[in-house]
Every structure is written in C-alpha cells, then in structure tokens.
Amino acid sequence: ELVTKVFFGEYGECVASATNAAECAKVGGSLIKGIYGLILSVLASVAVFVLVLSAFRLVTSAGDEESIKKQKKRITMAIVGLIVAAMGEFVVKGIVFPSGGTKGIDVAAAQKLVLNLTNFIAAFIGAGAFVMLFYGGYLYVISAGNDEKTGKAKKIIIGAIIGILIALAAFGIVTTLTSFTSGREINLPGRVPGLPGRSN
C-alpha cells in the first residue's frame, strides 16, 4: 500500500508531478489515520477491559489490603489510558489531520489545546490549593498550642501557597507564550523600525 499508493505509485506516477505527489500524500495521510485508528481502538479496548476486570477484582477482594491497593493502581492507570486515548483522538483529528487530512497541521488549534489544558490543570491545582489553605488554617486555629498539630497546619498552609503560586505561574507562562504570533515581523541588525505614517 505504501509503495504503490504513497511513495512511488503503480508506474511511478507519484513522482511524475507535484499534483500527483500531493494526491499520493493525501492517500498516505488516510493510511496513517487508519493505522492510528486501529491502534487507538485496540488500546482503548484493552483499557476498558482492564478497568472492568480490576473493578470486579476490587469488589471481590474480601478486604485483602494488598489486592485492593493493586486493583486501585490498575484502575487509575486504565482511566489515565482512556483520557490519553481521548486526547490523542482530538489531537490527531483536530490538529495533525484537520478537515479529514486535506489541510496541514493546525498550529492555532494546537496552541488552543495547550492553553485550555494548562488552564484546566492550573484551575484544578488552584482550587485544591485554596481548599487545603482553608483546611490548614482551620487546623492551625483548633491546634490550641499543640506543637505537633501546629507544625502539621503550617506544612499544609505552605504547601497550599506553593500550589497557588505554581498554578498562577503556569497560567501566566502559557498564556504569554501562546499569545505570540508566527507572522510577527522581526527587525534584523541594521534595520530601524518605521514610525507610524512614514515609510523606511
């Protein structure tokens, strides 16, 4: 398939002209999408099977702590696998092969995906940090001079503040980086920027 339809053609038609090469490239994109779709389907099916099997074993573990811990780890990995598979589907169809593979890589969609994903993670971390900050403050108030409880409350508060700072920094950095445009004019050495209303 790759030789006769993508790289060369039946009689070398893929390299005969630029138009033929573009058509063969479209066929190659479809083949890659098909291979990717097959791999993604297999991985998603395996993740669902592991999820169901681990949930069944968790229910029937009869209080065995080691078995419960192992099944929880497998369930977590299966859920992460399903999330990655779902994101991979969006990345391939929306960014790598937009419009059914008729267009090139959509950089704007990739920037938007990174921005949305970072904002979601930052918001999740920030919300959790605020909750832990209030919890740490509550522990500090009710510690009543107990050094152990006070120390624990201080550690929680410091960790929450660090989490908030990380979330704000991640949001600021990604927002700044994705605001840059690829079509921006760059001043080369020896070139003076033009003033408004005047030409160089």
C-alpha atoms as a PDB file:
ATOM      1  CA  GLU A   1       0.000   0.000   0.000  1.00  0.00           C
ATOM      2  CA  LEU A   2       2.733   2.479   0.946  1.00  0.00           C
ATOM      3  CA  VAL A   3       4.857   1.729  -2.125  1.00  0.00           C
ATOM      4  CA  THR A   4       2.099   1.555  -4.755  1.00  0.00           C
ATOM      5  CA  LYS A   5      -0.120   4.356  -3.426  1.00  0.00           C
ATOM      6  CA  VAL A   6       2.061   6.768  -1.465  1.00  0.00           C
ATOM      7  CA  PHE A   7       5.794   6.736  -2.226  1.00  0.00           C
ATOM      8  CA  PHE A   8       6.031   5.573  -5.839  1.00  0.00           C
ATOM      9  CA  GLY A   9       2.759   4.508  -7.432  1.00  0.00           C
ATOM     10  CA  GLU A  10       1.960   1.646  -9.770  1.00  0.00           C
ATOM     11  CA  TYR A  11       4.195   3.029 -12.536  1.00  0.00           C
ATOM     12  CA  GLY A  12       5.955   5.936 -10.795  1.00  0.00           C
ATOM     13  CA  GLU A  13       3.028   8.357 -11.106  1.00  0.00           C
ATOM     14  CA  CYS A  14       3.505   9.673  -7.546  1.00  0.00           C
ATOM     15  CA  VAL A  15       6.835  11.253  -8.530  1.00  0.00           C
ATOM     16  CA  ALA A  16       5.769  12.330 -12.015  1.00  0.00           C
ATOM     17  CA  SER A  17       4.403  15.733 -10.994  1.00  0.00           C
ATOM     18  CA  ALA A  18       3.705  17.932  -7.985  1.00  0.00           C
ATOM     19  CA  THR A  19      -0.057  17.394  -8.380  1.00  0.00           C
ATOM     20  CA  ASN A  20       0.340  13.618  -8.340  1.00  0.00           C
ATOM     21  CA  ALA A  21       2.655  13.869  -5.323  1.00  0.00           C
ATOM     22  CA  ALA A  22       0.019  15.895  -3.456  1.00  0.00           C
ATOM     23  CA  GLU A  23      -2.661  13.295  -4.242  1.00  0.00           C
ATOM     24  CA  CYS A  24      -0.390  10.474  -3.093  1.00  0.00           C
ATOM     25  CA  ALA A  25       0.334  12.427   0.099  1.00  0.00           C
ATOM     26  CA  LYS A  26      -3.425  12.617   0.798  1.00  0.00           C
ATOM     27  CA  VAL A  27      -3.656   8.848   0.372  1.00  0.00           C
ATOM     28  CA  GLY A  28      -0.707   8.471   2.758  1.00  0.00           C
ATOM     29  CA  GLY A  29      -2.490  10.641   5.306  1.00  0.00           C
ATOM     30  CA  SER A  30      -5.570   8.418   5.082  1.00  0.00           C
ATOM     31  CA  LEU A  31      -3.449   5.288   5.568  1.00  0.00           C
ATOM     32  CA  ILE A  32      -1.740   6.796   8.628  1.00  0.00           C
ATOM     33  CA  LYS A  33      -5.133   7.781  10.054  1.00  0.00           C
ATOM     34  CA  GLY A  34      -6.367   4.216   9.532  1.00  0.00           C
ATOM     35  CA  ILE A  35      -3.334   2.707  11.271  1.00  0.00           C
ATOM     36  CA  TYR A  36      -3.661   5.202  14.108  1.00  0.00           C
ATOM     37  CA  GLY A  37      -7.391   4.478  14.438  1.00  0.00           C
ATOM     38  CA  LEU A  38      -6.708   0.742  14.699  1.00  0.00           C
ATOM     39  CA  ILE A  39      -4.015   1.210  17.370  1.00  0.00           C
ATOM     40  CA  LEU A  40      -6.220   3.620  19.311  1.00  0.00           C
ATOM     41  CA  SER A  41      -9.181   1.209  19.208  1.00  0.00           C
ATOM     42  CA  VAL A  42      -7.035  -1.663  20.487  1.00  0.00           C
ATOM     43  CA  LEU A  43      -5.549   0.440  23.304  1.00  0.00           C
ATOM     44  CA  ALA A  44      -8.948   1.809  24.347  1.00  0.00           C
ATOM     45  CA  SER A  45     -10.436  -1.706  24.338  1.00  0.00           C
ATOM     46  CA  VAL A  46      -7.578  -3.012  26.499  1.00  0.00           C
ATOM     47  CA  ALA A  47      -8.003  -0.075  28.917  1.00  0.00           C
ATOM     48  CA  VAL A  48     -11.745  -0.725  29.248  1.00  0.00           C
ATOM     49  CA  PHE A  49     -11.145  -4.455  29.775  1.00  0.00           C
ATOM     50  CA  VAL A  50      -8.522  -3.763  32.482  1.00  0.00           C
ATOM     51  CA  LEU A  51     -10.866  -1.238  34.114  1.00  0.00           C
ATOM     52  CA  VAL A  52     -13.779  -3.696  34.285  1.00  0.00           C
ATOM     53  CA  LEU A  53     -11.591  -6.609  35.404  1.00  0.00           C
ATOM     54  CA  SER A  54      -9.875  -4.532  38.107  1.00  0.00           C
ATOM     55  CA  ALA A  55     -13.201  -3.213  39.383  1.00  0.00           C
ATOM     56  CA  PHE A  56     -14.536  -6.773  39.612  1.00  0.00           C
ATOM     57  CA  ARG A  57     -11.420  -7.940  41.480  1.00  0.00           C
ATOM     58  CA  LEU A  58     -11.661  -4.920  43.785  1.00  0.00           C
ATOM     59  CA  VAL A  59     -15.240  -5.827  44.714  1.00  0.00           C
ATOM     60  CA  THR A  60     -14.346  -9.479  45.295  1.00  0.00           C
ATOM     61  CA  SER A  61     -11.058  -8.821  47.143  1.00  0.00           C
ATOM     62  CA  ALA A  62     -12.727  -9.552  50.518  1.00  0.00           C
ATOM     63  CA  GLY A  63     -10.736  -6.920  52.408  1.00  0.00           C
ATOM     64  CA  ASP A  64      -7.274  -8.019  51.219  1.00  0.00           C
ATOM     65  CA  GLU A  65      -5.300  -4.751  51.546  1.00  0.00           C
ATOM     66  CA  GLU A  66      -2.562  -5.721  49.082  1.00  0.00           C
ATOM     67  CA  SER A  67      -5.083  -6.772  46.434  1.00  0.00           C
ATOM     68  CA  ILE A  68      -7.138  -3.596  46.952  1.00  0.00           C
ATOM     69  CA  LYS A  69      -4.044  -1.415  46.519  1.00  0.00           C
ATOM     70  CA  LYS A  70      -3.019  -3.283  43.353  1.00  0.00           C
ATOM     71  CA  GLN A  71      -6.507  -3.032  41.781  1.00  0.00           C
ATOM     72  CA  LYS A  72      -6.773   0.683  42.624  1.00  0.00           C
ATOM     73  CA  LYS A  73      -3.456   1.266  40.853  1.00  0.00           C
ATOM     74  CA  ARG A  74      -4.680  -0.658  37.791  1.00  0.00           C
ATOM     75  CA  ILE A  75      -7.962   1.261  37.730  1.00  0.00           C
ATOM     76  CA  THR A  76      -6.060   4.555  37.888  1.00  0.00           C
ATOM     77  CA  MET A  77      -3.774   3.512  35.029  1.00  0.00           C
ATOM     78  CA  ALA A  78      -6.750   2.390  32.930  1.00  0.00           C
ATOM     79  CA  ILE A  79      -8.537   5.715  33.468  1.00  0.00           C
ATOM     80  CA  VAL A  80      -5.365   7.626  32.561  1.00  0.00           C
ATOM     81  CA  GLY A  81      -5.052   5.472  29.427  1.00  0.00           C
ATOM     82  CA  LEU A  82      -8.618   6.273  28.384  1.00  0.00           C
ATOM     83  CA  ILE A  83      -8.023  10.005  28.935  1.00  0.00           C
ATOM     84  CA  VAL A  84      -4.820   9.885  26.867  1.00  0.00           C
ATOM     85  CA  ALA A  85      -6.625   7.941  24.119  1.00  0.00           C
ATOM     86  CA  ALA A  86      -9.440  10.504  24.038  1.00  0.00           C
ATOM     87  CA  MET A  87      -6.949  13.380  23.872  1.00  0.00           C
ATOM     88  CA  GLY A  88      -4.967  11.552  21.191  1.00  0.00           C
ATOM     89  CA  GLU A  89      -8.116  11.258  19.092  1.00  0.00           C
ATOM     90  CA  PHE A  90      -8.681  15.011  19.345  1.00  0.00           C
ATOM     91  CA  VAL A  91      -5.022  15.811  18.632  1.00  0.00           C
ATOM     92  CA  VAL A  92      -4.879  13.644  15.517  1.00  0.00           C
ATOM     93  CA  LYS A  93      -8.253  14.666  14.051  1.00  0.00           C
ATOM     94  CA  GLY A  94      -8.210  18.306  15.111  1.00  0.00           C
ATOM     95  CA  ILE A  95      -4.526  19.231  14.819  1.00  0.00           C
ATOM     96  CA  VAL A  96      -2.448  16.750  12.806  1.00  0.00           C
ATOM     97  CA  PHE A  97      -5.147  15.872  10.221  1.00  0.00           C
ATOM     98  CA  PRO A  98      -7.670  18.750  10.260  1.00  0.00           C
ATOM     99  CA  SER A  99     -10.553  18.663   7.775  1.00  0.00           C
ATOM    100  CA  GLY A 100     -10.056  14.975   7.071  1.00  0.00           C
ATOM    101  CA  GLY A 101      -6.379  15.388   6.224  1.00  0.00           C
ATOM    102  CA  THR A 102      -6.955  17.931   3.419  1.00  0.00           C
ATOM    103  CA  LYS A 103      -5.062  20.652   5.328  1.00  0.00           C
ATOM    104  CA  GLY A 104      -1.716  20.823   7.081  1.00  0.00           C
ATOM    105  CA  ILE A 105      -1.074  20.822  10.813  1.00  0.00           C
ATOM    106  CA  ASP A 106      -3.298  23.352  12.573  1.00  0.00           C
ATOM    107  CA  VAL A 107      -0.890  25.298  14.796  1.00  0.00           C
ATOM    108  CA  ALA A 108      -3.637  27.563  16.161  1.00  0.00           C
ATOM    109  CA  ALA A 109      -5.645  24.521  17.299  1.00  0.00           C
ATOM    110  CA  ALA A 110      -2.519  23.092  18.965  1.00  0.00           C
ATOM    111  CA  GLN A 111      -1.951  26.380  20.813  1.00  0.00           C
ATOM    112  CA  LYS A 112      -5.577  26.441  21.902  1.00  0.00           C
ATOM    113  CA  LEU A 113      -5.365  22.838  23.147  1.00  0.00           C
ATOM    114  CA  VAL A 114      -2.225  23.564  25.190  1.00  0.00           C
ATOM    115  CA  LEU A 115      -3.781  26.740  26.608  1.00  0.00           C
ATOM    116  CA  ASN A 116      -7.070  25.044  27.553  1.00  0.00           C
ATOM    117  CA  LEU A 117      -5.316  22.023  29.056  1.00  0.00           C
ATOM    118  CA  THR A 118      -2.949  24.190  31.093  1.00  0.00           C
ATOM    119  CA  ASN A 119      -5.792  26.421  32.266  1.00  0.00           C
ATOM    120  CA  PHE A 120      -7.778  23.353  33.350  1.00  0.00           C
ATOM    121  CA  ILE A 121      -4.843  21.854  35.268  1.00  0.00           C
ATOM    122  CA  ALA A 122      -3.956  25.234  36.806  1.00  0.00           C
ATOM    123  CA  ALA A 123      -7.573  25.800  37.855  1.00  0.00           C
ATOM    124  CA  PHE A 124      -7.740  22.292  39.366  1.00  0.00           C
ATOM    125  CA  ILE A 125      -4.471  22.792  41.272  1.00  0.00           C
ATOM    126  CA  GLY A 126      -5.521  26.289  42.361  1.00  0.00           C
ATOM    127  CA  ALA A 127      -8.907  25.123  43.659  1.00  0.00           C
ATOM    128  CA  GLY A 128      -7.318  22.236  45.546  1.00  0.00           C
ATOM    129  CA  ALA A 129      -4.685  24.575  46.978  1.00  0.00           C
ATOM    130  CA  PHE A 130      -7.350  27.001  48.214  1.00  0.00           C
ATOM    131  CA  VAL A 131      -9.229  24.148  49.898  1.00  0.00           C
ATOM    132  CA  MET A 132      -6.027  22.952  51.571  1.00  0.00           C
ATOM    133  CA  LEU A 133      -5.229  26.534  52.602  1.00  0.00           C
ATOM    134  CA  PHE A 134      -8.564  26.821  54.421  1.00  0.00           C
ATOM    135  CA  TYR A 135      -8.095  23.360  55.923  1.00  0.00           C
ATOM    136  CA  GLY A 136      -4.609  24.287  57.145  1.00  0.00           C
ATOM    137  CA  GLY A 137      -5.977  27.498  58.661  1.00  0.00           C
ATOM    138  CA  TYR A 138      -8.718  25.520  60.407  1.00  0.00           C
ATOM    139  CA  LEU A 139      -6.158  23.061  61.832  1.00  0.00           C
ATOM    140  CA  TYR A 140      -3.992  25.961  62.984  1.00  0.00           C
ATOM    141  CA  VAL A 141      -6.903  27.603  64.807  1.00  0.00           C
ATOM    142  CA  ILE A 142      -8.013  24.432  66.594  1.00  0.00           C
ATOM    143  CA  SER A 143      -4.464  23.274  67.419  1.00  0.00           C
ATOM    144  CA  ALA A 144      -4.746  25.070  70.798  1.00  0.00           C
ATOM    145  CA  GLY A 145      -0.983  25.322  71.226  1.00  0.00           C
ATOM    146  CA  ASN A 146      -0.287  21.673  70.345  1.00  0.00           C
ATOM    147  CA  ASP A 147       3.130  21.789  68.633  1.00  0.00           C
ATOM    148  CA  GLU A 148       2.507  18.682  66.511  1.00  0.00           C
ATOM    149  CA  LYS A 149      -0.833  19.955  65.148  1.00  0.00           C
ATOM    150  CA  THR A 150       0.573  23.448  64.648  1.00  0.00           C
ATOM    151  CA  GLY A 151       3.519  22.082  62.667  1.00  0.00           C
ATOM    152  CA  LYS A 152       1.195  19.979  60.508  1.00  0.00           C
ATOM    153  CA  ALA A 153      -1.040  23.004  59.865  1.00  0.00           C
ATOM    154  CA  LYS A 154       1.955  25.144  58.880  1.00  0.00           C
ATOM    155  CA  LYS A 155       3.174  22.495  56.407  1.00  0.00           C
ATOM    156  CA  ILE A 156      -0.293  22.317  54.822  1.00  0.00           C
ATOM    157  CA  ILE A 157      -0.506  26.111  54.545  1.00  0.00           C
ATOM    158  CA  ILE A 158       2.979  26.390  52.993  1.00  0.00           C
ATOM    159  CA  GLY A 159       2.190  23.587  50.521  1.00  0.00           C
ATOM    160  CA  ALA A 160      -1.092  25.272  49.569  1.00  0.00           C
ATOM    161  CA  ILE A 161       0.628  28.622  48.967  1.00  0.00           C
ATOM    162  CA  ILE A 162       3.260  26.910  46.791  1.00  0.00           C
ATOM    163  CA  GLY A 163       0.466  25.180  44.837  1.00  0.00           C
ATOM    164  CA  ILE A 164      -1.312  28.508  44.226  1.00  0.00           C
ATOM    165  CA  LEU A 165       1.947  30.119  43.037  1.00  0.00           C
ATOM    166  CA  ILE A 166       2.653  27.202  40.675  1.00  0.00           C
ATOM    167  CA  ALA A 167      -0.870  27.406  39.225  1.00  0.00           C
ATOM    168  CA  LEU A 168      -0.569  31.168  38.669  1.00  0.00           C
ATOM    169  CA  ALA A 169       2.903  30.811  37.139  1.00  0.00           C
ATOM    170  CA  ALA A 170       1.774  28.037  34.774  1.00  0.00           C
ATOM    171  CA  PHE A 171      -1.225  30.086  33.638  1.00  0.00           C
ATOM    172  CA  GLY A 172       0.888  33.209  33.094  1.00  0.00           C
ATOM    173  CA  ILE A 173       3.702  31.454  31.222  1.00  0.00           C
ATOM    174  CA  VAL A 174       1.459  29.504  28.854  1.00  0.00           C
ATOM    175  CA  THR A 175      -0.808  32.499  28.196  1.00  0.00           C
ATOM    176  CA  THR A 176       2.232  34.637  27.361  1.00  0.00           C
ATOM    177  CA  LEU A 177       3.837  32.017  25.107  1.00  0.00           C
ATOM    178  CA  THR A 178       0.654  31.259  23.170  1.00  0.00           C
ATOM    179  CA  SER A 179      -0.009  34.966  22.606  1.00  0.00           C
ATOM    180  CA  PHE A 180       2.995  35.219  20.286  1.00  0.00           C
ATOM    181  CA  THR A 181       2.066  35.124  16.596  1.00  0.00           C
ATOM    182  CA  SER A 182       4.141  33.371  13.966  1.00  0.00           C
ATOM    183  CA  GLY A 183       3.650  36.211  11.460  1.00  0.00           C
ATOM    184  CA  ARG A 184       5.317  38.826  13.623  1.00  0.00           C
ATOM    185  CA  GLU A 185       7.908  40.987  11.867  1.00  0.00           C
ATOM    186  CA  ILE A 186      11.447  40.681  13.203  1.00  0.00           C
ATOM    187  CA  ASN A 187      13.893  43.585  12.973  1.00  0.00           C
ATOM    188  CA  LEU A 188      17.208  42.406  11.563  1.00  0.00           C
ATOM    189  CA  PRO A 189      20.505  44.058  12.606  1.00  0.00           C
ATOM    190  CA  GLY A 190      20.935  47.464  10.954  1.00  0.00           C
ATOM    191  CA  ARG A 191      17.223  47.896  10.283  1.00  0.00           C
ATOM    192  CA  VAL A 192      15.372  50.678  12.085  1.00  0.00           C
ATOM    193  CA  PRO A 193      11.634  50.186  12.790  1.00  0.00           C
ATOM    194  CA  GLY A 194       9.459  52.546  10.807  1.00  0.00           C
ATOM    195  CA  LEU A 195       7.484  55.272  12.505  1.00  0.00           C
ATOM    196  CA  PRO A 196       3.693  55.441  12.117  1.00  0.00           C
ATOM    197  CA  GLY A 197       2.814  57.297   8.915  1.00  0.00           C
ATOM    198  CA  ARG A 198       6.339  57.102   7.469  1.00  0.00           C
ATOM    199  CA  SER A 199       7.960  54.528   5.226  1.00  0.00           C
ATOM    200  CA  ASN A 200      11.590  53.386   5.540  1.00  0.00           C
END
